[in-house]
C-alpha atoms as a PDB file:
ATOM      1  CA  MET A   1       6.794 -16.581   5.319  1.00  0.00           C
ATOM      2  CA  ARG A   2       4.360 -16.445   2.412  1.00  0.00           C
ATOM      3  CA  LYS A   3       3.710 -12.710   3.004  1.00  0.00           C
ATOM      4  CA  ILE A   4       7.439 -11.999   2.950  1.00  0.00           C
ATOM      5  CA  THR A   5       7.914 -13.995  -0.248  1.00  0.00           C
ATOM      6  CA  MET A   6       5.019 -12.195  -1.929  1.00  0.00           C
ATOM      7  CA  SER A   7       6.381  -8.828  -0.756  1.00  0.00           C
ATOM      8  CA  VAL A   8       9.768  -9.596  -2.294  1.00  0.00           C
ATOM      9  CA  ILE A   9       8.123 -10.635  -5.565  1.00  0.00           C
ATOM     10  CA  VAL A  10       6.068  -7.437  -5.611  1.00  0.00           C
ATOM     11  CA  LEU A  11       9.178  -5.348  -4.938  1.00  0.00           C
ATOM     12  CA  ILE A  12      11.163  -7.017  -7.712  1.00  0.00           C
ATOM     13  CA  THR A  13       8.292  -6.618 -10.157  1.00  0.00           C
ATOM     14  CA  MET A  14       7.781  -2.980  -9.201  1.00  0.00           C
ATOM     15  CA  ALA A  15      11.466  -2.184  -9.392  1.00  0.00           C
ATOM     16  CA  SER A  16      11.555  -3.448 -12.955  1.00  0.00           C
ATOM     17  CA  CYS A  17       8.675  -1.185 -14.067  1.00  0.00           C
ATOM     18  CA  ASN A  18       9.766   1.898 -15.969  1.00  0.00           C
ATOM     19  CA  SER A  19       7.091   4.041 -14.306  1.00  0.00           C
ATOM     20  CA  LEU A  20       8.754   3.475 -10.950  1.00  0.00           C
ATOM     21  CA  LYS A  21      12.260   4.397 -11.960  1.00  0.00           C
ATOM     22  CA  SER A  22      11.764   7.903 -10.568  1.00  0.00           C
ATOM     23  CA  THR A  23       9.984   6.640  -7.444  1.00  0.00           C
ATOM     24  CA  ASN A  24      11.778   6.306  -4.151  1.00  0.00           C
ATOM     25  CA  THR A  25      12.127   2.525  -4.019  1.00  0.00           C
ATOM     26  CA  SER A  26      13.153   2.606  -0.355  1.00  0.00           C
ATOM     27  CA  SER A  27       9.686   3.969   0.459  1.00  0.00           C
ATOM     28  CA  ILE A  28       8.120   1.139  -1.505  1.00  0.00           C
ATOM     29  CA  ALA A  29      10.312  -1.402   0.284  1.00  0.00           C
ATOM     30  CA  ASP A  30       9.383   0.115   3.638  1.00  0.00           C
ATOM     31  CA  ALA A  31       5.705   0.060   2.660  1.00  0.00           C
ATOM     32  CA  ALA A  32       5.940  -3.599   1.609  1.00  0.00           C
ATOM     33  CA  THR A  33       7.618  -4.500   4.895  1.00  0.00           C
ATOM     34  CA  LEU A  34       5.011  -2.640   6.919  1.00  0.00           C
ATOM     35  CA  LEU A  35       2.163  -4.101   4.904  1.00  0.00           C
ATOM     36  CA  SER A  36       3.449  -7.645   5.324  1.00  0.00           C
ATOM     37  CA  SER A  37       3.613  -7.175   9.092  1.00  0.00           C
ATOM     38  CA  MET A  38       0.044  -5.899   9.412  1.00  0.00           C
ATOM     39  CA  SER A  39      -2.570  -8.001  11.159  1.00  0.00           C
ATOM     40  CA  SER A  40      -5.892  -7.597  12.895  1.00  0.00           C
ATOM     41  CA  ASN A  41      -3.923  -5.996  15.747  1.00  0.00           C
ATOM     42  CA  SER A  42      -2.553  -3.214  13.555  1.00  0.00           C
ATOM     43  CA  THR A  43      -3.178   0.377  14.566  1.00  0.00           C
ATOM     44  CA  VAL A  44      -4.439   3.496  12.844  1.00  0.00           C
ATOM     45  CA  GLN A  45      -0.908   4.891  13.290  1.00  0.00           C
ATOM     46  CA  GLN A  46       0.514   2.020  11.232  1.00  0.00           C
ATOM     47  CA  ILE A  47      -2.099   2.713   8.526  1.00  0.00           C
ATOM     48  CA  SER A  48      -1.066   6.388   8.577  1.00  0.00           C
ATOM     49  CA  SER A  49       2.566   5.384   8.142  1.00  0.00           C
ATOM     50  CA  LEU A  50       1.625   3.042   5.311  1.00  0.00           C
ATOM     51  CA  PHE A  51      -0.372   5.829   3.659  1.00  0.00           C
ATOM     52  CA  SER A  52       2.642   8.174   3.788  1.00  0.00           C
ATOM     53  CA  LEU A  53       4.899   5.520   2.282  1.00  0.00           C
ATOM     54  CA  LEU A  54       2.494   4.585  -0.521  1.00  0.00           C
ATOM     55  CA  ASP A  55       1.639   8.204  -1.437  1.00  0.00           C
ATOM     56  CA  THR A  56       4.814   8.561  -3.461  1.00  0.00           C
ATOM     57  CA  ASP A  57       3.706  11.696  -5.298  1.00  0.00           C
ATOM     58  CA  LYS A  58       2.592  13.299  -1.993  1.00  0.00           C
ATOM     59  CA  ASN A  59      -0.816  14.391  -3.295  1.00  0.00           C
ATOM     60  CA  LYS A  60      -2.603  13.029  -0.175  1.00  0.00           C
ATOM     61  CA  ALA A  61      -4.142  10.173  -2.165  1.00  0.00           C
ATOM     62  CA  ILE A  62      -3.076   6.686  -3.196  1.00  0.00           C
ATOM     63  CA  SER A  63      -3.713   5.878  -6.826  1.00  0.00           C
ATOM     64  CA  SER A  64      -4.028   2.352  -8.144  1.00  0.00           C
ATOM     65  CA  THR A  65      -0.480   2.650  -9.508  1.00  0.00           C
ATOM     66  CA  GLU A  66       0.855   3.510  -6.035  1.00  0.00           C
ATOM     67  CA  ALA A  67      -0.995   0.646  -4.309  1.00  0.00           C
ATOM     68  CA  ILE A  68       0.828  -2.609  -3.591  1.00  0.00           C
ATOM     69  CA  GLY A  69      -0.007  -5.968  -2.030  1.00  0.00           C
ATOM     70  CA  SER A  70      -3.317  -6.244  -0.228  1.00  0.00           C
ATOM     71  CA  VAL A  71      -4.005  -2.553  -0.815  1.00  0.00           C
ATOM     72  CA  ALA A  72      -3.856  -3.172  -4.587  1.00  0.00           C
ATOM     73  CA  ASP A  73      -5.776  -6.433  -4.253  1.00  0.00           C
ATOM     74  CA  ASN A  74      -8.603  -4.676  -2.385  1.00  0.00           C
ATOM     75  CA  PHE A  75      -8.358  -1.271  -4.056  1.00  0.00           C
ATOM     76  CA  ASN A  76     -11.904  -1.264  -5.450  1.00  0.00           C
ATOM     77  CA  VAL A  77     -13.360  -2.350  -2.107  1.00  0.00           C
ATOM     78  CA  LEU A  78     -11.406   0.292  -0.194  1.00  0.00           C
ATOM     79  CA  ASP A  79     -12.266   3.050  -2.695  1.00  0.00           C
ATOM     80  CA  THR A  80     -15.665   3.709  -1.168  1.00  0.00           C
ATOM     81  CA  ASP A  81     -16.267   7.004  -2.998  1.00  0.00           C
ATOM     82  CA  LYS A  82     -15.221   5.400  -6.327  1.00  0.00           C
ATOM     83  CA  ASN A  83     -12.917   8.267  -7.317  1.00  0.00           C
ATOM     84  CA  SER A  84     -10.048   5.945  -8.305  1.00  0.00           C
ATOM     85  CA  SER A  85      -7.884   6.957  -5.360  1.00  0.00           C
ATOM     86  CA  LEU A  86      -7.696   6.196  -1.669  1.00  0.00           C
ATOM     87  CA  ASN A  87      -7.613   8.814   1.039  1.00  0.00           C
ATOM     88  CA  LEU A  88      -6.421   8.048   4.562  1.00  0.00           C
ATOM     89  CA  THR A  89      -9.931   7.280   5.817  1.00  0.00           C
ATOM     90  CA  GLU A  90     -10.508   4.798   3.010  1.00  0.00           C
ATOM     91  CA  LEU A  91      -7.139   3.127   3.629  1.00  0.00           C
ATOM     92  CA  GLN A  92      -8.126   2.634   7.243  1.00  0.00           C
ATOM     93  CA  GLY A  93     -10.755   0.241   5.888  1.00  0.00           C
ATOM     94  CA  LEU A  94      -7.835  -2.153   5.400  1.00  0.00           C
ATOM     95  CA  LEU A  95      -7.961  -2.797   9.165  1.00  0.00           C
ATOM     96  CA  GLY A  96     -11.435  -4.267   8.777  1.00  0.00           C
ATOM     97  CA  LEU A  97     -10.252  -6.530   5.979  1.00  0.00           C
ATOM     98  CA  LEU A  98      -7.412  -7.894   8.137  1.00  0.00           C
ATOM     99  CA  LYS A  99      -9.789  -9.178  10.847  1.00  0.00           C
END
């Protein structure tokens, strides 16, 4: 229940940001839902789906402004090459953090 509440708060906050007005908010909502359902049993396919939803500008990288929830909270840990963006391989590190 707490994850769902936090996801709703994140969505409301993000929807009110001017920088997201041009962003597809349904993708963000889908990403928040998927992220809140992730656990130690999540699959690489779910991470791939999450990556696609979070990569709103479709540049094959997730910037800190595209990250939400636990991805944003752990962005610096996941960004192993320290280039200020996450590729799919780096995002897969989220599975290790969920265990």
